[in-house]
Amino acid sequence: MIRTVIFDLGGVIVPLDFTQGYTTISKFCSYPAAEIPRRLASTDLIVRFESGQIEPEKFAEELSELLGLKKIGYDTFCTVWSSIFLPHTLIPGELLDRVRRHHRLLLLSNTNAIHFDMLRRTYPILDRFDEFVLSYEVGAMKPSPRIYQEAVARAGCRPEECFFTDDVLAYVEGARKEGIDAVQFESQEQIERELRNRGVSLD
């Protein structure tokens, strides 16, 4: 029996558009949009930030140096850095309300302090979750066993009593290795079907 339902954030609750993000960043830096992901991949800066190893201000400083960002101020930097997110959500708050009537509701995400602060302020749908299991707070990123184990601990039940969905297959497989019932996210309709098949009441 499923007692806790766990959702990923980016690509499941809130849609991402990295091309839009890189285009926005390119307006303030020394590199074209197509070069930015290659520059980011050449360093472990994102991993360090999303696993909580560096503070936001230090991250802004290091990223500005890496990309040759103009001096735009920290608040503007945060806005530019968060431009990957689109305004609508992929699932409605009403679905989460139905799940939460009978089940504990958790969010499990690889994210960072800048993004999550913006997301909390911008997307009221996040207020529906009972707990947030965030990589930068846990100090581990999916698919590390540690972050799934933390999610199970916060769920307050056995791994097999947790249902998890993520748009990244490797993260779904990581959850399954820890005994969590997990599926790759495709759509709202698919997740509703998966939940109902597991006896999760959506009425």
N, C-alpha and C. Protein backbone atom coordinates (compact mmCIF):
# COMPACT_ATOMS: atom_id res chain seq x y z
N MET A 1 0.84 -1.20 0.00
CA MET A 1 0.00 0.00 0.00
C MET A 1 0.87 1.26 0.00
N ILE A 2 0.55 2.20 -0.86
CA ILE A 2 1.29 3.46 -0.93
C ILE A 2 0.81 4.40 0.17
N ARG A 3 1.75 4.91 0.96
CA ARG A 3 1.42 5.84 2.03
C ARG A 3 1.95 7.25 1.75
N THR A 4 3.03 7.33 0.95
CA THR A 4 3.64 8.63 0.65
C THR A 4 3.88 8.74 -0.85
N VAL A 5 3.52 9.88 -1.41
CA VAL A 5 3.74 10.15 -2.84
C VAL A 5 4.81 11.23 -2.94
N ILE A 6 5.84 10.94 -3.75
CA ILE A 6 7.00 11.83 -3.87
C ILE A 6 7.14 12.28 -5.31
N PHE A 7 7.20 13.59 -5.51
CA PHE A 7 7.36 14.16 -6.84
C PHE A 7 8.73 14.82 -6.98
N ASP A 8 9.32 14.67 -8.16
CA ASP A 8 10.44 15.51 -8.57
C ASP A 8 9.89 16.91 -8.83
N LEU A 9 10.79 17.89 -8.97
CA LEU A 9 10.37 19.28 -9.18
C LEU A 9 10.49 19.69 -10.65
N GLY A 10 11.71 19.94 -11.13
CA GLY A 10 11.91 20.39 -12.50
C GLY A 10 11.61 19.30 -13.50
N GLY A 11 10.74 19.59 -14.45
CA GLY A 11 10.37 18.61 -15.46
C GLY A 11 9.20 17.73 -15.05
N VAL A 12 8.71 17.92 -13.81
CA VAL A 12 7.53 17.19 -13.34
C VAL A 12 6.48 18.16 -12.80
N ILE A 13 6.89 19.02 -11.87
CA ILE A 13 5.98 20.06 -11.38
C ILE A 13 6.13 21.32 -12.24
N VAL A 14 7.34 21.79 -12.37
CA VAL A 14 7.62 23.03 -13.11
C VAL A 14 8.43 22.68 -14.36
N PRO A 15 7.99 23.14 -15.54
CA PRO A 15 8.73 22.84 -16.77
C PRO A 15 10.02 23.65 -16.89
N LEU A 16 10.99 23.06 -17.58
CA LEU A 16 12.29 23.69 -17.77
C LEU A 16 12.51 23.97 -19.25
N ASP A 17 13.19 25.07 -19.53
CA ASP A 17 13.62 25.37 -20.90
C ASP A 17 15.05 25.88 -20.83
N PHE A 18 16.01 24.96 -20.94
CA PHE A 18 17.41 25.35 -20.80
C PHE A 18 17.86 26.27 -21.93
N THR A 19 17.29 26.07 -23.12
CA THR A 19 17.65 26.94 -24.24
C THR A 19 17.28 28.39 -23.93
N GLN A 20 16.10 28.58 -23.37
CA GLN A 20 15.69 29.92 -22.97
C GLN A 20 16.64 30.49 -21.92
N GLY A 21 17.03 29.63 -20.97
CA GLY A 21 17.95 30.07 -19.93
C GLY A 21 19.30 30.48 -20.48
N TYR A 22 19.85 29.67 -21.37
CA TYR A 22 21.16 29.98 -21.95
C TYR A 22 21.10 31.25 -22.80
N THR A 23 19.97 31.43 -23.49
CA THR A 23 19.82 32.64 -24.31
C THR A 23 19.79 33.89 -23.42
N THR A 24 19.09 33.80 -22.30
CA THR A 24 19.03 34.92 -21.37
C THR A 24 20.40 35.22 -20.79
N ILE A 25 21.11 34.18 -20.36
CA ILE A 25 22.45 34.36 -19.79
C ILE A 25 23.39 34.98 -20.82
N SER A 26 23.27 34.56 -22.07
CA SER A 26 24.19 35.02 -23.11
C SER A 26 24.12 36.54 -23.32
N LYS A 27 23.01 37.14 -22.96
CA LYS A 27 22.85 38.58 -23.10
C LYS A 27 23.73 39.36 -22.12
N PHE A 28 24.22 38.65 -21.10
CA PHE A 28 25.01 39.31 -20.06
C PHE A 28 26.44 38.79 -19.97
N CYS A 29 26.83 37.89 -20.89
CA CYS A 29 28.14 37.28 -20.76
C CYS A 29 28.94 37.32 -22.06
N SER A 30 30.13 36.73 -22.01
CA SER A 30 31.06 36.79 -23.13
C SER A 30 30.89 35.67 -24.14
N TYR A 31 29.93 34.78 -23.92
CA TYR A 31 29.79 33.60 -24.78
C TYR A 31 28.39 33.51 -25.38
N PRO A 32 28.27 32.95 -26.59
CA PRO A 32 26.95 32.73 -27.19
C PRO A 32 26.21 31.64 -26.42
N ALA A 33 24.90 31.60 -26.60
CA ALA A 33 24.07 30.64 -25.85
C ALA A 33 24.53 29.20 -26.03
N ALA A 34 24.93 28.83 -27.25
CA ALA A 34 25.32 27.44 -27.52
C ALA A 34 26.60 27.03 -26.79
N GLU A 35 27.42 27.99 -26.43
CA GLU A 35 28.68 27.69 -25.75
C GLU A 35 28.51 27.55 -24.24
N ILE A 36 27.46 28.12 -23.70
CA ILE A 36 27.29 28.15 -22.24
C ILE A 36 27.20 26.75 -21.62
N PRO A 37 26.37 25.82 -22.15
CA PRO A 37 26.34 24.49 -21.53
C PRO A 37 27.68 23.78 -21.57
N ARG A 38 28.47 24.01 -22.62
CA ARG A 38 29.80 23.39 -22.69
C ARG A 38 30.71 23.98 -21.62
N ARG A 39 30.62 25.27 -21.39
CA ARG A 39 31.41 25.90 -20.34
C ARG A 39 31.01 25.36 -18.97
N LEU A 40 29.72 25.21 -18.76
CA LEU A 40 29.24 24.69 -17.47
C LEU A 40 29.69 23.25 -17.25
N ALA A 41 29.67 22.45 -18.34
CA ALA A 41 30.05 21.04 -18.23
C ALA A 41 31.55 20.85 -18.00
N SER A 42 32.33 21.89 -18.24
CA SER A 42 33.78 21.79 -18.09
C SER A 42 34.23 21.93 -16.64
N THR A 43 33.30 22.17 -15.74
CA THR A 43 33.63 22.39 -14.33
C THR A 43 32.63 21.64 -13.45
N ASP A 44 32.98 21.46 -12.19
CA ASP A 44 32.06 20.82 -11.24
C ASP A 44 31.27 21.85 -10.45
N LEU A 45 31.21 23.07 -10.94
CA LEU A 45 30.57 24.16 -10.21
C LEU A 45 29.11 23.88 -9.89
N ILE A 46 28.36 23.39 -10.87
CA ILE A 46 26.93 23.13 -10.66
C ILE A 46 26.73 22.02 -9.63
N VAL A 47 27.52 20.97 -9.74
CA VAL A 47 27.42 19.87 -8.78
C VAL A 47 27.73 20.36 -7.37
N ARG A 48 28.77 21.16 -7.23
CA ARG A 48 29.12 21.69 -5.90
C ARG A 48 28.01 22.55 -5.34
N PHE A 49 27.38 23.34 -6.21
CA PHE A 49 26.32 24.22 -5.74
C PHE A 49 25.07 23.42 -5.36
N GLU A 50 24.70 22.46 -6.19
CA GLU A 50 23.48 21.71 -5.94
C GLU A 50 23.64 20.65 -4.86
N SER A 51 24.86 20.40 -4.44
CA SER A 51 25.08 19.50 -3.30
C SER A 51 25.45 20.28 -2.04
N GLY A 52 25.28 21.60 -2.09
CA GLY A 52 25.43 22.42 -0.91
C GLY A 52 26.85 22.67 -0.46
N GLN A 53 27.81 22.53 -1.37
CA GLN A 53 29.22 22.70 -0.99
C GLN A 53 29.68 24.15 -1.04
N ILE A 54 28.93 25.01 -1.74
CA ILE A 54 29.28 26.43 -1.79
C ILE A 54 28.02 27.27 -1.60
N GLU A 55 28.19 28.46 -1.05
CA GLU A 55 27.08 29.36 -0.79
C GLU A 55 26.67 30.09 -2.08
N PRO A 56 25.43 30.58 -2.13
CA PRO A 56 24.95 31.25 -3.35
C PRO A 56 25.83 32.40 -3.83
N GLU A 57 26.27 33.25 -2.92
CA GLU A 57 27.09 34.39 -3.33
C GLU A 57 28.41 33.94 -3.94
N LYS A 58 29.01 32.89 -3.38
CA LYS A 58 30.25 32.34 -3.92
C LYS A 58 30.00 31.72 -5.28
N PHE A 59 28.86 31.04 -5.42
CA PHE A 59 28.50 30.47 -6.72
C PHE A 59 28.37 31.56 -7.77
N ALA A 60 27.67 32.64 -7.42
CA ALA A 60 27.49 33.75 -8.37
C ALA A 60 28.84 34.31 -8.79
N GLU A 61 29.75 34.41 -7.85
CA GLU A 61 31.08 34.93 -8.15
C GLU A 61 31.84 34.00 -9.09
N GLU A 62 31.81 32.69 -8.82
CA GLU A 62 32.54 31.73 -9.64
C GLU A 62 31.92 31.59 -11.03
N LEU A 63 30.58 31.59 -11.10
CA LEU A 63 29.93 31.48 -12.40
C LEU A 63 30.17 32.73 -13.24
N SER A 64 30.15 33.88 -12.60
CA SER A 64 30.42 35.13 -13.32
C SER A 64 31.81 35.12 -13.93
N GLU A 65 32.75 34.55 -13.20
CA GLU A 65 34.12 34.46 -13.72
C GLU A 65 34.20 33.45 -14.86
N LEU A 66 33.52 32.32 -14.70
CA LEU A 66 33.54 31.27 -15.72
C LEU A 66 32.96 31.74 -17.05
N LEU A 67 31.88 32.52 -16.98
CA LEU A 67 31.17 32.93 -18.19
C LEU A 67 31.47 34.37 -18.60
N GLY A 68 32.30 35.04 -17.85
CA GLY A 68 32.59 36.43 -18.16
C GLY A 68 31.36 37.31 -18.04
N LEU A 69 30.54 37.06 -17.01
CA LEU A 69 29.32 37.84 -16.82
C LEU A 69 29.64 39.28 -16.45
N LYS A 70 28.84 40.17 -16.98
CA LYS A 70 28.97 41.58 -16.62
C LYS A 70 28.57 41.77 -15.16
N LYS A 71 28.99 42.85 -14.57
CA LYS A 71 28.62 43.15 -13.19
C LYS A 71 27.16 43.60 -13.17
N ILE A 72 26.27 42.67 -12.82
CA ILE A 72 24.84 42.94 -12.89
C ILE A 72 24.17 42.99 -11.52
N GLY A 73 24.93 42.74 -10.47
CA GLY A 73 24.34 42.73 -9.14
C GLY A 73 23.77 41.36 -8.81
N TYR A 74 23.78 41.01 -7.52
CA TYR A 74 23.39 39.66 -7.11
C TYR A 74 21.92 39.38 -7.41
N ASP A 75 21.01 40.33 -7.15
CA ASP A 75 19.59 40.09 -7.39
C ASP A 75 19.31 39.83 -8.87
N THR A 76 19.94 40.62 -9.74
CA THR A 76 19.76 40.41 -11.18
C THR A 76 20.37 39.08 -11.59
N PHE A 77 21.51 38.73 -11.02
CA PHE A 77 22.13 37.43 -11.30
C PHE A 77 21.15 36.31 -10.99
N CYS A 78 20.49 36.38 -9.84
CA CYS A 78 19.55 35.32 -9.45
C CYS A 78 18.40 35.22 -10.43
N THR A 79 17.91 36.37 -10.90
CA THR A 79 16.83 36.37 -11.89
C THR A 79 17.29 35.74 -13.20
N VAL A 80 18.47 36.10 -13.66
CA VAL A 80 19.02 35.54 -14.90
C VAL A 80 19.25 34.04 -14.75
N TRP A 81 19.83 33.63 -13.63
CA TRP A 81 20.13 32.22 -13.39
C TRP A 81 18.86 31.37 -13.32
N SER A 82 17.75 31.98 -12.94
CA SER A 82 16.48 31.26 -12.79
C SER A 82 15.61 31.32 -14.04
N SER A 83 16.14 31.82 -15.14
CA SER A 83 15.32 32.02 -16.34
C SER A 83 15.04 30.72 -17.10
N ILE A 84 15.49 29.58 -16.59
CA ILE A 84 15.19 28.30 -17.23
C ILE A 84 13.76 27.83 -16.97
N PHE A 85 13.10 28.42 -15.97
CA PHE A 85 11.77 27.95 -15.58
C PHE A 85 10.67 28.67 -16.36
N LEU A 86 9.65 27.90 -16.74
CA LEU A 86 8.50 28.46 -17.46
C LEU A 86 7.36 28.73 -16.47
N PRO A 87 6.44 29.62 -16.82
CA PRO A 87 5.45 30.09 -15.84
C PRO A 87 4.37 29.09 -15.44
N HIS A 88 3.95 28.23 -16.37
CA HIS A 88 2.88 27.29 -16.03
C HIS A 88 3.45 26.07 -15.31
N THR A 89 2.59 25.21 -14.78
CA THR A 89 3.04 23.96 -14.17
C THR A 89 2.56 22.78 -15.01
N LEU A 90 3.25 21.65 -14.87
CA LEU A 90 2.93 20.46 -15.66
C LEU A 90 1.79 19.65 -15.06
N ILE A 91 1.58 19.80 -13.77
CA ILE A 91 0.42 19.19 -13.12
C ILE A 91 -0.27 20.27 -12.30
N PRO A 92 -1.57 20.19 -12.12
CA PRO A 92 -2.29 21.23 -11.39
C PRO A 92 -2.22 21.02 -9.88
N GLY A 93 -2.35 22.10 -9.15
CA GLY A 93 -2.40 22.01 -7.69
C GLY A 93 -3.55 21.15 -7.22
N GLU A 94 -4.62 21.12 -8.00
CA GLU A 94 -5.80 20.34 -7.63
C GLU A 94 -5.49 18.85 -7.54
N LEU A 95 -4.58 18.36 -8.39
CA LEU A 95 -4.17 16.95 -8.30
C LEU A 95 -3.43 16.70 -7.00
N LEU A 96 -2.54 17.59 -6.64
CA LEU A 96 -1.81 17.43 -5.38
C LEU A 96 -2.76 17.48 -4.18
N ASP A 97 -3.77 18.33 -4.26
CA ASP A 97 -4.77 18.40 -3.19
C ASP A 97 -5.47 17.07 -3.01
N ARG A 98 -5.80 16.43 -4.14
CA ARG A 98 -6.49 15.13 -4.06
C ARG A 98 -5.59 14.05 -3.48
N VAL A 99 -4.31 14.07 -3.86
CA VAL A 99 -3.36 13.10 -3.31
C VAL A 99 -3.21 13.32 -1.81
N ARG A 100 -3.11 14.57 -1.42
CA ARG A 100 -2.80 14.91 -0.02
C ARG A 100 -3.94 14.61 0.94
N ARG A 101 -5.13 14.42 0.44
CA ARG A 101 -6.26 14.10 1.33
C ARG A 101 -6.01 12.81 2.11
N HIS A 102 -5.30 11.88 1.49
CA HIS A 102 -5.13 10.57 2.11
C HIS A 102 -3.68 10.12 2.21
N HIS A 103 -2.73 10.92 1.66
CA HIS A 103 -1.35 10.48 1.61
C HIS A 103 -0.40 11.63 1.95
N ARG A 104 0.74 11.28 2.48
CA ARG A 104 1.78 12.26 2.72
C ARG A 104 2.37 12.65 1.37
N LEU A 105 2.77 13.93 1.22
CA LEU A 105 3.22 14.45 -0.07
C LEU A 105 4.60 15.09 0.09
N LEU A 106 5.60 14.54 -0.63
CA LEU A 106 6.97 15.03 -0.55
C LEU A 106 7.47 15.51 -1.91
N LEU A 107 8.40 16.45 -1.86
CA LEU A 107 9.11 16.91 -3.04
C LEU A 107 10.57 16.49 -2.92
N LEU A 108 11.11 15.85 -3.95
CA LEU A 108 12.50 15.39 -3.95
C LEU A 108 13.20 15.97 -5.18
N SER A 109 14.20 16.83 -4.96
CA SER A 109 14.76 17.56 -6.10
C SER A 109 16.26 17.79 -5.99
N ASN A 110 16.93 17.64 -7.14
CA ASN A 110 18.28 18.20 -7.30
C ASN A 110 18.09 19.68 -7.61
N THR A 111 18.46 20.53 -6.70
CA THR A 111 18.25 21.96 -6.91
C THR A 111 19.27 22.73 -6.09
N ASN A 112 19.14 24.05 -6.10
CA ASN A 112 20.09 24.89 -5.37
C ASN A 112 19.33 26.01 -4.67
N ALA A 113 20.03 26.71 -3.80
CA ALA A 113 19.37 27.71 -2.96
C ALA A 113 18.77 28.85 -3.77
N ILE A 114 19.43 29.28 -4.84
CA ILE A 114 18.90 30.38 -5.66
C ILE A 114 17.62 29.95 -6.35
N HIS A 115 17.66 28.81 -7.01
CA HIS A 115 16.48 28.35 -7.73
C HIS A 115 15.32 28.08 -6.78
N PHE A 116 15.58 27.41 -5.67
CA PHE A 116 14.46 27.02 -4.83
C PHE A 116 13.83 28.22 -4.14
N ASP A 117 14.63 29.20 -3.78
CA ASP A 117 14.07 30.43 -3.20
C ASP A 117 13.12 31.09 -4.19
N MET A 118 13.54 31.18 -5.46
CA MET A 118 12.68 31.77 -6.48
C MET A 118 11.43 30.93 -6.69
N LEU A 119 11.58 29.61 -6.74
CA LEU A 119 10.45 28.74 -6.98
C LEU A 119 9.41 28.83 -5.87
N ARG A 120 9.85 28.90 -4.62
CA ARG A 120 8.91 29.02 -3.50
C ARG A 120 8.11 30.31 -3.61
N ARG A 121 8.74 31.38 -4.07
CA ARG A 121 8.06 32.67 -4.17
C ARG A 121 7.15 32.75 -5.40
N THR A 122 7.46 31.98 -6.43
CA THR A 122 6.78 32.12 -7.71
C THR A 122 5.67 31.10 -7.94
N TYR A 123 5.81 29.92 -7.35
CA TYR A 123 4.87 28.83 -7.61
C TYR A 123 4.16 28.41 -6.32
N PRO A 124 2.97 28.96 -6.04
CA PRO A 124 2.23 28.61 -4.82
C PRO A 124 1.92 27.13 -4.70
N ILE A 125 1.95 26.41 -5.81
CA ILE A 125 1.68 24.97 -5.78
C ILE A 125 2.61 24.25 -4.80
N LEU A 126 3.80 24.80 -4.58
CA LEU A 126 4.76 24.13 -3.69
C LEU A 126 4.32 24.16 -2.24
N ASP A 127 3.39 25.03 -1.88
CA ASP A 127 2.90 25.09 -0.51
C ASP A 127 2.11 23.85 -0.13
N ARG A 128 1.76 23.05 -1.11
CA ARG A 128 0.96 21.85 -0.84
C ARG A 128 1.79 20.69 -0.30
N PHE A 129 3.10 20.77 -0.42
CA PHE A 129 3.95 19.65 0.01
C PHE A 129 4.19 19.66 1.51
N ASP A 130 4.24 18.45 2.09
CA ASP A 130 4.51 18.32 3.53
C ASP A 130 5.98 18.47 3.85
N GLU A 131 6.84 18.03 2.94
CA GLU A 131 8.29 18.07 3.17
C GLU A 131 9.01 18.34 1.85
N PHE A 132 10.16 19.01 1.95
CA PHE A 132 11.05 19.21 0.81
C PHE A 132 12.37 18.49 1.08
N VAL A 133 12.73 17.58 0.20
CA VAL A 133 14.02 16.89 0.29
C VAL A 133 14.86 17.43 -0.85
N LEU A 134 15.79 18.33 -0.52
CA LEU A 134 16.51 19.11 -1.52
C LEU A 134 17.99 18.77 -1.49
N SER A 135 18.57 18.58 -2.65
CA SER A 135 19.96 18.12 -2.73
C SER A 135 20.92 19.06 -2.01
N TYR A 136 20.72 20.36 -2.12
CA TYR A 136 21.68 21.28 -1.52
C TYR A 136 21.58 21.30 0.00
N GLU A 137 20.42 20.86 0.55
CA GLU A 137 20.28 20.75 2.00
C GLU A 137 20.74 19.39 2.51
N VAL A 138 20.47 18.35 1.74
CA VAL A 138 20.86 16.99 2.13
C VAL A 138 22.37 16.79 1.97
N GLY A 139 22.96 17.48 0.97
CA GLY A 139 24.38 17.30 0.69
C GLY A 139 24.65 16.14 -0.24
N ALA A 140 23.62 15.73 -0.99
CA ALA A 140 23.75 14.62 -1.95
C ALA A 140 22.72 14.82 -3.04
N MET A 141 23.08 14.39 -4.25
CA MET A 141 22.21 14.55 -5.42
C MET A 141 21.75 13.20 -5.94
N LYS A 142 20.54 13.18 -6.49
CA LYS A 142 20.12 11.98 -7.22
C LYS A 142 21.12 11.70 -8.33
N PRO A 143 21.50 10.46 -8.55
CA PRO A 143 20.94 9.22 -8.00
C PRO A 143 21.70 8.65 -6.80
N SER A 144 22.30 9.48 -5.98
CA SER A 144 22.98 8.99 -4.78
C SER A 144 21.98 8.31 -3.84
N PRO A 145 22.30 7.13 -3.31
CA PRO A 145 21.39 6.47 -2.37
C PRO A 145 21.02 7.36 -1.18
N ARG A 146 21.92 8.21 -0.80
CA ARG A 146 21.71 9.02 0.40
C ARG A 146 20.47 9.90 0.32
N ILE A 147 20.21 10.50 -0.84
CA ILE A 147 19.07 11.41 -0.94
C ILE A 147 17.75 10.64 -0.94
N TYR A 148 17.72 9.44 -1.50
CA TYR A 148 16.51 8.62 -1.46
C TYR A 148 16.27 8.13 -0.04
N GLN A 149 17.34 7.77 0.65
CA GLN A 149 17.20 7.32 2.04
C GLN A 149 16.66 8.44 2.92
N GLU A 150 17.08 9.67 2.64
CA GLU A 150 16.55 10.81 3.39
C GLU A 150 15.06 11.01 3.08
N ALA A 151 14.68 10.82 1.83
CA ALA A 151 13.27 10.95 1.46
C ALA A 151 12.42 9.91 2.18
N VAL A 152 12.90 8.69 2.24
CA VAL A 152 12.16 7.63 2.93
C VAL A 152 12.04 7.95 4.43
N ALA A 153 13.12 8.46 5.01
CA ALA A 153 13.08 8.84 6.42
C ALA A 153 12.04 9.92 6.66
N ARG A 154 11.98 10.91 5.76
CA ARG A 154 11.00 11.99 5.90
C ARG A 154 9.58 11.48 5.64
N ALA A 155 9.47 10.48 4.79
CA ALA A 155 8.15 9.91 4.48
C ALA A 155 7.55 9.22 5.69
N GLY A 156 8.41 8.68 6.55
CA GLY A 156 7.93 8.02 7.75
C GLY A 156 7.30 6.67 7.50
N CYS A 157 7.72 6.00 6.42
CA CYS A 157 7.19 4.69 6.11
C CYS A 157 8.27 3.87 5.41
N ARG A 158 7.96 2.65 5.03
CA ARG A 158 8.93 1.80 4.35
C ARG A 158 9.11 2.25 2.90
N PRO A 159 10.28 1.96 2.29
CA PRO A 159 10.51 2.37 0.89
C PRO A 159 9.44 1.90 -0.06
N GLU A 160 8.98 0.66 0.11
CA GLU A 160 7.98 0.13 -0.82
C GLU A 160 6.60 0.77 -0.63
N GLU A 161 6.45 1.56 0.42
CA GLU A 161 5.20 2.29 0.65
C GLU A 161 5.27 3.72 0.07
N CYS A 162 6.38 4.01 -0.61
CA CYS A 162 6.56 5.31 -1.27
C CYS A 162 6.43 5.16 -2.78
N PHE A 163 5.73 6.08 -3.40
CA PHE A 163 5.67 6.17 -4.85
C PHE A 163 6.40 7.43 -5.28
N PHE A 164 7.30 7.31 -6.27
CA PHE A 164 8.11 8.44 -6.72
C PHE A 164 8.04 8.55 -8.23
N THR A 165 7.96 9.79 -8.73
CA THR A 165 8.04 10.00 -10.18
C THR A 165 9.04 11.10 -10.49
N ASP A 166 9.82 10.88 -11.55
CA ASP A 166 10.87 11.81 -11.98
C ASP A 166 10.94 11.71 -13.50
N ASP A 167 11.27 12.81 -14.15
CA ASP A 167 11.37 12.78 -15.61
C ASP A 167 12.67 12.15 -16.10
N VAL A 168 13.67 12.01 -15.22
CA VAL A 168 14.97 11.45 -15.60
C VAL A 168 15.00 9.96 -15.22
N LEU A 169 15.18 9.10 -16.21
CA LEU A 169 15.12 7.66 -15.98
C LEU A 169 16.18 7.21 -14.97
N ALA A 170 17.39 7.76 -15.05
CA ALA A 170 18.46 7.35 -14.13
C ALA A 170 18.07 7.62 -12.68
N TYR A 171 17.29 8.67 -12.45
CA TYR A 171 16.87 8.99 -11.09
C TYR A 171 15.74 8.07 -10.63
N VAL A 172 14.92 7.65 -11.57
CA VAL A 172 13.89 6.65 -11.27
C VAL A 172 14.55 5.33 -10.89
N GLU A 173 15.56 4.94 -11.66
CA GLU A 173 16.26 3.69 -11.38
C GLU A 173 16.99 3.75 -10.04
N GLY A 174 17.54 4.93 -9.72
CA GLY A 174 18.19 5.10 -8.42
C GLY A 174 17.23 4.89 -7.28
N ALA A 175 16.00 5.38 -7.44
CA ALA A 175 14.98 5.20 -6.41
C ALA A 175 14.59 3.73 -6.27
N ARG A 176 14.46 3.05 -7.40
CA ARG A 176 14.09 1.64 -7.37
C ARG A 176 15.15 0.80 -6.64
N LYS A 177 16.40 1.17 -6.81
CA LYS A 177 17.47 0.44 -6.12
C LYS A 177 17.36 0.54 -4.61
N GLU A 178 16.69 1.61 -4.15
CA GLU A 178 16.49 1.78 -2.71
C GLU A 178 15.14 1.22 -2.25
N GLY A 179 14.47 0.51 -3.15
CA GLY A 179 13.23 -0.16 -2.79
C GLY A 179 11.98 0.68 -2.97
N ILE A 180 12.12 1.86 -3.56
CA ILE A 180 10.99 2.75 -3.78
C ILE A 180 10.27 2.37 -5.07
N ASP A 181 8.95 2.40 -5.05
CA ASP A 181 8.14 2.17 -6.25
C ASP A 181 8.20 3.45 -7.08
N ALA A 182 8.85 3.41 -8.24
CA ALA A 182 9.10 4.63 -9.01
C ALA A 182 8.82 4.42 -10.49
N VAL A 183 8.34 5.49 -11.15
CA VAL A 183 8.10 5.47 -12.59
C VAL A 183 8.60 6.78 -13.20
N GLN A 184 8.95 6.72 -14.46
CA GLN A 184 9.37 7.92 -15.18
C GLN A 184 8.15 8.75 -15.55
N PHE A 185 8.23 10.05 -15.28
CA PHE A 185 7.12 10.96 -15.55
C PHE A 185 6.97 11.21 -17.05
N GLU A 186 5.73 11.13 -17.53
CA GLU A 186 5.40 11.45 -18.92
C GLU A 186 4.35 12.54 -19.01
N SER A 187 3.32 12.44 -18.19
CA SER A 187 2.23 13.41 -18.25
C SER A 187 1.39 13.32 -16.99
N GLN A 188 0.54 14.31 -16.80
CA GLN A 188 -0.40 14.29 -15.67
C GLN A 188 -1.30 13.06 -15.75
N GLU A 189 -1.83 12.79 -16.95
CA GLU A 189 -2.75 11.66 -17.12
C GLU A 189 -2.07 10.34 -16.77
N GLN A 190 -0.83 10.19 -17.20
CA GLN A 190 -0.09 8.95 -16.91
C GLN A 190 0.11 8.78 -15.41
N ILE A 191 0.47 9.85 -14.71
CA ILE A 191 0.71 9.75 -13.27
C ILE A 191 -0.57 9.47 -12.52
N GLU A 192 -1.67 10.08 -12.94
CA GLU A 192 -2.96 9.77 -12.30
C GLU A 192 -3.28 8.28 -12.47
N ARG A 193 -3.02 7.76 -13.65
CA ARG A 193 -3.27 6.34 -13.91
C ARG A 193 -2.38 5.46 -13.04
N GLU A 194 -1.09 5.81 -12.95
CA GLU A 194 -0.15 5.03 -12.13
C GLU A 194 -0.57 5.05 -10.66
N LEU A 195 -1.01 6.20 -10.19
CA LEU A 195 -1.43 6.31 -8.79
C LEU A 195 -2.67 5.48 -8.52
N ARG A 196 -3.65 5.58 -9.40
CA ARG A 196 -4.89 4.81 -9.22
C ARG A 196 -4.60 3.30 -9.27
N ASN A 197 -3.68 2.89 -10.15
CA ASN A 197 -3.33 1.48 -10.24
C ASN A 197 -2.72 0.94 -8.95
N ARG A 198 -2.18 1.85 -8.14
CA ARG A 198 -1.56 1.47 -6.88
C ARG A 198 -2.49 1.70 -5.69
N GLY A 199 -3.73 2.00 -5.98
CA GLY A 199 -4.72 2.16 -4.91
C GLY A 199 -4.71 3.53 -4.26
N VAL A 200 -4.04 4.49 -4.86
CA VAL A 200 -4.02 5.85 -4.31
C VAL A 200 -5.35 6.52 -4.67
N SER A 201 -6.09 6.96 -3.66
CA SER A 201 -7.38 7.58 -3.87
C SER A 201 -7.21 9.00 -4.40
N LEU A 202 -7.85 9.31 -5.52
CA LEU A 202 -7.81 10.64 -6.10
C LEU A 202 -9.21 11.26 -6.11
N ASP A 203 -10.10 10.71 -5.31
CA ASP A 203 -11.49 11.21 -5.28
C ASP A 203 -11.67 12.23 -4.16
